[in-house]
Protein backbone atom coordinates (compact mmCIF):
# COMPACT_ATOMS: atom_id res chain seq x y z
CA UNK A 1 40.76 -62.46 26.21
CA UNK A 2 39.17 -59.41 27.75
CA UNK A 3 40.10 -57.26 24.77
CA UNK A 4 38.49 -59.73 22.33
CA UNK A 5 35.21 -59.77 24.30
CA UNK A 6 35.13 -55.95 24.43
CA UNK A 7 35.77 -55.60 20.72
CA UNK A 8 33.11 -58.11 19.66
CA UNK A 9 30.05 -55.88 20.03
CA UNK A 10 31.70 -53.09 18.06
CA UNK A 11 32.47 -55.41 15.12
CA UNK A 12 29.12 -57.25 15.12
CA UNK A 13 26.63 -56.47 12.34
CA UNK A 14 24.01 -55.46 14.89
CA UNK A 15 26.30 -52.99 16.61
CA UNK A 16 27.44 -51.48 13.34
CA UNK A 17 23.94 -51.17 11.95
CA UNK A 18 22.33 -49.51 14.98
CA UNK A 19 23.85 -46.04 14.46
CA UNK A 20 22.84 -46.12 10.79
CA UNK A 21 19.24 -46.95 11.71
CA UNK A 22 19.21 -44.10 14.21
CA UNK A 23 20.45 -41.70 11.56
CA UNK A 24 17.77 -42.83 9.13
CA UNK A 25 15.07 -42.39 11.74
CA UNK A 26 16.46 -38.98 12.57
CA UNK A 27 16.38 -38.00 8.87
CA UNK A 28 12.75 -39.07 8.46
CA UNK A 29 11.82 -37.15 11.60
CA UNK A 30 12.71 -33.87 9.82
CA UNK A 31 10.09 -34.31 7.07
CA UNK A 32 6.31 -33.93 7.35
CA UNK A 33 4.00 -36.27 5.55
CA UNK A 34 2.27 -34.42 2.65
CA UNK A 35 -1.15 -35.03 4.19
CA UNK A 36 -0.02 -33.56 7.53
CA UNK A 37 1.56 -30.55 5.81
CA UNK A 38 -1.63 -29.96 3.83
CA UNK A 39 -3.65 -30.14 7.04
CA UNK A 40 -1.50 -27.43 8.62
CA UNK A 41 -1.73 -25.25 5.51
CA UNK A 42 -5.48 -25.76 5.05
CA UNK A 43 -6.62 -22.64 7.01
CA UNK A 44 -4.21 -20.35 5.14
CA UNK A 45 -5.03 -21.91 1.78
CA UNK A 46 -8.76 -21.64 2.48
CA UNK A 47 -8.33 -17.97 3.35
CA UNK A 48 -6.36 -17.31 0.15
CA UNK A 49 -8.93 -19.12 -1.98
CA UNK A 50 -11.94 -17.52 -0.29
CA UNK A 51 -10.65 -13.96 0.05
CA UNK A 52 -8.32 -13.58 -2.95
CA UNK A 53 -8.71 -16.17 -5.70
CA UNK A 54 -12.48 -16.67 -5.71
CA UNK A 55 -13.34 -12.92 -5.69
CA UNK A 56 -10.73 -12.36 -8.40
CA UNK A 57 -12.32 -15.10 -10.51
CA UNK A 58 -15.82 -13.65 -9.99
CA UNK A 59 -14.56 -10.18 -10.88
CA UNK A 60 -13.03 -11.46 -14.11
CA UNK A 61 -16.21 -13.42 -14.86
CA UNK A 62 -18.33 -10.30 -14.32
CA UNK A 63 -16.02 -8.26 -16.54
CA UNK A 64 -16.93 -10.54 -19.46
CA UNK A 65 -20.66 -10.48 -18.77
CA UNK A 66 -23.58 -8.38 -19.93
CA UNK A 67 -25.87 -7.08 -17.20
CA UNK A 68 -29.21 -5.33 -17.02
CA UNK A 69 -29.62 -1.95 -15.34
CA UNK A 70 -30.74 -3.80 -12.20
CA UNK A 71 -27.56 -5.92 -12.14
CA UNK A 72 -28.96 -9.19 -13.52
CA UNK A 73 -26.64 -11.10 -15.84
CA UNK A 74 -28.11 -11.40 -19.33
CA UNK A 75 -25.32 -13.22 -21.13
CA UNK A 76 -21.70 -13.23 -22.20
CA UNK A 77 -20.18 -10.00 -23.53
CA UNK A 78 -16.71 -11.35 -24.36
CA UNK A 79 -14.10 -8.60 -24.39
CA UNK A 80 -16.57 -5.87 -25.30
CA UNK A 81 -16.58 -4.38 -21.79
CA UNK A 82 -12.80 -3.89 -21.91
CA UNK A 83 -13.08 -2.27 -25.33
CA UNK A 84 -15.75 0.11 -24.05
CA UNK A 85 -13.69 1.05 -21.00
CA UNK A 86 -10.51 1.69 -22.99
CA UNK A 87 -12.43 3.70 -25.60
CA UNK A 88 -14.44 5.68 -23.06
CA UNK A 89 -14.02 9.41 -23.79
CA UNK A 90 -12.99 10.11 -20.17
CA UNK A 91 -10.74 7.09 -19.61
CA UNK A 92 -7.53 8.94 -20.54
CA UNK A 93 -8.43 11.81 -18.19
CA UNK A 94 -9.26 9.40 -15.38
CA UNK A 95 -6.01 7.49 -15.91
CA UNK A 96 -4.00 10.73 -15.85
CA UNK A 97 -5.81 11.83 -12.69
CA UNK A 98 -4.87 8.51 -11.09
CA UNK A 99 -1.19 8.94 -11.95
CA UNK A 100 -1.12 12.52 -10.64
CA UNK A 101 -3.01 11.52 -7.48
CA UNK A 102 -0.73 8.59 -6.63
CA UNK A 103 2.59 10.20 -7.54
CA UNK A 104 1.81 13.51 -5.80
CA UNK A 105 0.50 11.98 -2.58
CA UNK A 106 3.29 9.40 -2.28
CA UNK A 107 6.12 11.81 -3.16
CA UNK A 108 4.96 14.60 -0.83
CA UNK A 109 4.26 12.09 1.94
CA UNK A 110 7.76 10.59 1.67
CA UNK A 111 9.49 13.98 1.81
CA UNK A 112 7.48 15.29 4.78
CA UNK A 113 7.67 11.96 6.62
CA UNK A 114 11.46 11.88 6.33
CA UNK A 115 11.63 15.31 7.95
CA UNK A 116 9.15 14.38 10.69
CA UNK A 117 10.98 11.14 11.42
CA UNK A 118 14.27 13.00 11.79
CA UNK A 119 12.59 15.33 14.26
CA UNK A 120 10.76 12.66 16.27
CA UNK A 121 13.85 10.50 16.83
CA UNK A 122 15.51 13.42 18.64
CA UNK A 123 15.23 13.62 22.39
CA UNK A 124 13.21 16.73 23.29
CA UNK A 125 10.51 17.60 25.85
CA UNK A 126 7.08 16.49 24.67
CA UNK A 127 8.35 13.99 22.12
CA UNK A 128 5.94 11.30 23.34
CA UNK A 129 2.98 13.68 23.05
CA UNK A 130 4.08 14.64 19.54
CA UNK A 131 4.21 10.99 18.51
CA UNK A 132 0.78 10.35 19.97
CA UNK A 133 -0.62 13.36 18.13
CA UNK A 134 0.81 12.04 14.88
CA UNK A 135 -1.18 8.81 15.27
CA UNK A 136 -4.56 10.63 15.41
CA UNK A 137 -5.07 10.98 11.61
CA UNK A 138 -4.19 7.30 11.25
CA UNK A 139 -6.58 6.19 14.00
CA UNK A 140 -9.54 8.26 12.79
CA UNK A 141 -11.88 6.98 10.09
CA UNK A 142 -10.91 8.14 6.60
CA UNK A 143 -14.54 9.01 5.87
CA UNK A 144 -14.72 11.22 8.98
CA UNK A 145 -11.40 12.87 8.14
CA UNK A 146 -12.52 13.52 4.56
CA UNK A 147 -15.83 14.98 5.71
CA UNK A 148 -13.97 17.22 8.15
CA UNK A 149 -11.90 18.61 5.28
CA UNK A 150 -15.10 19.18 3.28
CA UNK A 151 -16.19 21.52 6.06
CA UNK A 152 -12.76 23.18 6.18
CA UNK A 153 -12.77 23.70 2.38
CA UNK A 154 -16.36 25.03 2.23
CA UNK A 155 -16.71 28.04 -0.06
CA UNK A 156 -19.01 30.07 2.19
CA UNK A 157 -18.29 28.95 5.74
CA UNK A 158 -15.01 27.04 5.53
CA UNK A 159 -12.35 27.85 8.10
CA UNK A 160 -9.58 27.78 5.50
CA UNK A 161 -11.09 30.60 3.42
CA UNK A 162 -11.77 32.58 6.58
CA UNK A 163 -8.13 32.16 7.69
CA UNK A 164 -6.72 33.19 4.29
CA UNK A 165 -8.93 36.28 4.24
CA UNK A 166 -7.90 37.19 7.78
CA UNK A 167 -4.23 37.00 6.79
CA UNK A 168 -4.90 39.18 3.74
CA UNK A 169 -3.74 36.49 1.31
CA UNK A 170 -7.00 36.43 -0.67
CA UNK A 171 -9.89 38.85 -1.23
CA UNK A 172 -12.57 36.40 -2.36
CA UNK A 173 -13.18 32.83 -1.27
CA UNK A 174 -11.55 29.98 -3.18
CA UNK A 175 -13.79 27.18 -4.41
CA UNK A 176 -11.46 24.38 -3.30
CA UNK A 177 -13.92 21.57 -4.13
CA UNK A 178 -15.64 23.06 -7.17
CA UNK A 179 -12.81 24.50 -9.23
CA UNK A 180 -10.93 22.24 -11.63
CA UNK A 181 -7.72 24.07 -10.72
CA UNK A 182 -8.12 23.42 -6.97
CA UNK A 183 -9.92 20.10 -6.57
CA UNK A 184 -6.89 17.87 -7.20
CA UNK A 185 -4.49 19.83 -4.92
CA UNK A 186 -7.21 19.82 -2.24
CA UNK A 187 -7.59 16.04 -2.46
CA UNK A 188 -3.82 15.54 -2.50
CA UNK A 189 -3.52 17.56 0.72
CA UNK A 190 -6.02 15.24 2.44
CA UNK A 191 -4.26 12.16 1.05
CA UNK A 192 -0.93 13.37 2.43
CA UNK A 193 -2.48 14.18 5.81
CA UNK A 194 -3.90 10.66 6.10
CA UNK A 195 -0.71 8.93 4.87
CA UNK A 196 1.79 10.76 7.09
CA UNK A 197 1.40 8.74 10.32
CA UNK A 198 2.15 5.30 8.86
CA UNK A 199 5.01 6.53 6.69
CA UNK A 200 6.61 8.54 9.48
CA UNK A 201 6.58 5.62 11.90
CA UNK A 202 8.10 3.36 9.24
CA UNK A 203 10.98 5.83 8.93
CA UNK A 204 11.27 6.18 12.70
CA UNK A 205 11.73 2.42 12.94
CA UNK A 206 14.30 2.53 10.14
CA UNK A 207 16.26 5.33 11.80
CA UNK A 208 16.21 3.54 15.15
CA UNK A 209 17.82 0.50 13.50
CA UNK A 210 20.86 2.49 12.28
CA UNK A 211 23.84 1.86 14.61
CA UNK A 212 25.17 4.96 16.33
CA UNK A 213 28.79 3.95 15.79
CA UNK A 214 28.38 4.30 12.02
CA UNK A 215 27.23 7.90 12.38
CA UNK A 216 30.00 8.58 14.89
CA UNK A 217 32.57 7.18 12.47
CA UNK A 218 31.26 9.44 9.70
CA UNK A 219 31.47 12.42 12.05
CA UNK A 220 35.06 11.57 12.99
CA UNK A 221 35.92 11.36 9.29
CA UNK A 222 34.78 14.95 8.91
CA UNK A 223 31.42 14.41 7.20
CA UNK A 224 28.94 17.27 7.55
CA UNK A 225 25.34 16.75 8.66
CA UNK A 226 24.11 16.75 5.05
CA UNK A 227 26.88 14.35 3.96
CA UNK A 228 26.02 11.96 6.80
CA UNK A 229 22.36 12.07 5.82
CA UNK A 230 23.03 11.58 2.11
CA UNK A 231 25.78 8.97 2.24
CA UNK A 232 24.96 7.07 5.44
CA UNK A 233 21.38 7.50 6.61
CA UNK A 234 19.54 7.40 3.28
CA UNK A 235 21.29 4.24 2.01
CA UNK A 236 20.57 2.46 5.29
CA UNK A 237 16.95 3.63 5.10
CA UNK A 238 16.50 2.02 1.69
CA UNK A 239 14.48 -1.01 2.93
CA UNK A 240 12.12 1.22 4.92
CA UNK A 241 11.91 3.64 2.01
CA UNK A 242 10.93 0.91 -0.44
CA UNK A 243 8.30 -0.48 1.92
CA UNK A 244 6.81 2.98 2.43
CA UNK A 245 6.72 3.73 -1.30
CA UNK A 246 5.10 0.44 -2.34
CA UNK A 247 2.55 0.19 0.47
CA UNK A 248 1.59 3.85 0.12
CA UNK A 249 1.26 3.49 -3.64
CA UNK A 250 -1.13 0.56 -3.25
CA UNK A 251 -3.08 2.26 -0.47
CA UNK A 252 -3.37 5.61 -2.27
CA UNK A 253 -4.22 3.95 -5.59
CA UNK A 254 -7.14 2.11 -3.97
CA UNK A 255 -8.26 5.02 -1.81
CA UNK A 256 -11.96 5.53 -2.41
CA UNK A 257 -13.28 7.60 0.55
CA UNK A 258 -11.14 10.71 0.00
CA UNK A 259 -11.82 11.04 -3.74
CA UNK A 260 -15.50 10.24 -3.46
CA UNK A 261 -16.23 12.42 -0.43
CA UNK A 262 -14.44 15.52 -1.71
CA UNK A 263 -15.49 15.10 -5.35
CA UNK A 264 -19.09 13.91 -5.03
CA UNK A 265 -20.57 17.35 -5.82
CA UNK A 266 -18.86 17.52 -9.23
CA UNK A 267 -20.70 15.92 -12.19
CA UNK A 268 -19.03 13.64 -14.70
CA UNK A 269 -15.61 12.00 -14.42
CA UNK A 270 -13.32 15.01 -14.85
CA UNK A 271 -11.75 14.74 -11.39
CA UNK A 272 -12.12 11.01 -10.72
CA UNK A 273 -9.50 8.31 -10.38
CA UNK A 274 -9.89 4.73 -11.57
CA UNK A 275 -11.35 3.56 -8.27
CA UNK A 276 -14.18 6.14 -8.25
CA UNK A 277 -14.58 5.82 -12.02
CA UNK A 278 -15.30 2.13 -11.48
CA UNK A 279 -17.91 2.92 -8.81
CA UNK A 280 -19.68 5.57 -10.88
CA UNK A 281 -19.85 3.30 -13.93
CA UNK A 282 -21.84 0.80 -11.89
CA UNK A 283 -24.05 3.05 -9.77
CA UNK A 284 -24.08 6.69 -10.88
CA UNK A 285 -23.56 6.93 -14.63
CA UNK A 286 -26.37 6.87 -17.16
CA UNK A 287 -25.32 3.43 -18.36
CA UNK A 288 -24.99 1.84 -14.90
CA UNK A 289 -22.94 -0.88 -16.57
CA UNK A 290 -21.76 -3.51 -14.09
CA UNK A 291 -19.69 -5.24 -16.77
CA UNK A 292 -17.71 -2.11 -17.59
CA UNK A 293 -17.22 -1.46 -13.87
CA UNK A 294 -15.87 -5.00 -13.38
CA UNK A 295 -13.56 -4.58 -16.38
CA UNK A 296 -12.20 -1.39 -14.80
CA UNK A 297 -11.65 -3.36 -11.59
CA UNK A 298 -9.57 -5.94 -13.46
CA UNK A 299 -7.50 -3.13 -14.98
CA UNK A 300 -6.98 -1.74 -11.46
CA UNK A 301 -5.71 -5.11 -10.24
CA UNK A 302 -3.33 -5.44 -13.19
CA UNK A 303 -1.89 -1.97 -12.56
CA UNK A 304 -1.31 -2.80 -8.89
CA UNK A 305 0.43 -6.04 -9.88
CA UNK A 306 2.71 -4.04 -12.17
CA UNK A 307 3.67 -1.81 -9.22
CA UNK A 308 4.39 -4.86 -7.05
CA UNK A 309 6.49 -6.51 -9.77
CA UNK A 310 8.50 -3.33 -10.20
CA UNK A 311 9.11 -3.30 -6.46
CA UNK A 312 10.25 -6.92 -6.46
CA UNK A 313 12.56 -6.19 -9.37
CA UNK A 314 14.12 -3.22 -7.60
CA UNK A 315 14.83 -4.97 -4.31
CA UNK A 316 16.10 -8.15 -6.02
CA UNK A 317 13.84 -10.33 -3.91
CA UNK A 318 15.17 -13.57 -5.40
CA UNK A 319 18.68 -12.87 -4.18
CA UNK A 320 17.50 -11.79 -0.74
CA UNK A 321 15.41 -14.93 -0.17
CA UNK A 322 18.09 -17.48 -1.10
């Protein structure tokens, strides 16, 4: 009799259905209502629309417009602005300058930063001071840094020419900012100087994440220092290396202050990149064509997107985010 009474609640419909109702309520608890989810995403979506999508739309709209010399829109130009930019007599030179500028700065920065990172992860007296000193070019304004190098490169009073003469390396001053043979290397040197801090600290973080037992195992197996670096350290630094390459490429590609500050004394577009070419088309050329400048801006955006897509293809982002 007691066993029958105890078994009754377990076999009743109400007792059997209660756990199922609890499971259904628990399942619904894991999902947000679409309106609630949209409310949480509203600030981020507003920021994306206001800072990214709307300016991109206005840039594309301006690239298909015809403007007066004062910047007033006079009508629709269709694709004529793009045709004028692509057929501009200096566009090929500017595009080549952009490629040389980005590739040279990024490549030299990566090589030097790898060496600096290897040094700064070692334990030696004054390491903290050395790391702090490395941050200074990153913390300073790019405009101020560029103007400082203008003074260092000066033909008549620059410290660099004075130092080279004192060492007996040159007899006459070098026109670092006025000679076509020297202006690009001079700008690349400033670009590398400004890019070193970020890239070096990215590699320091990557090196710190490598387990010591892996390096010890390679040493026990008889690997030399170069073999450990080539077969162990570099493959494990691949994520940090890819981040440094892509972010530096985007940053250097869009760098306006260095090119404009060091190259402002030279007429024409012979030493410009796309970013300064775009600015001069709107404000300093004879045409002062806002539409052509906007079309150049759209081309800049498309080139950056190509770099990002190449990066995503290399790192196989779809497989990593599954």
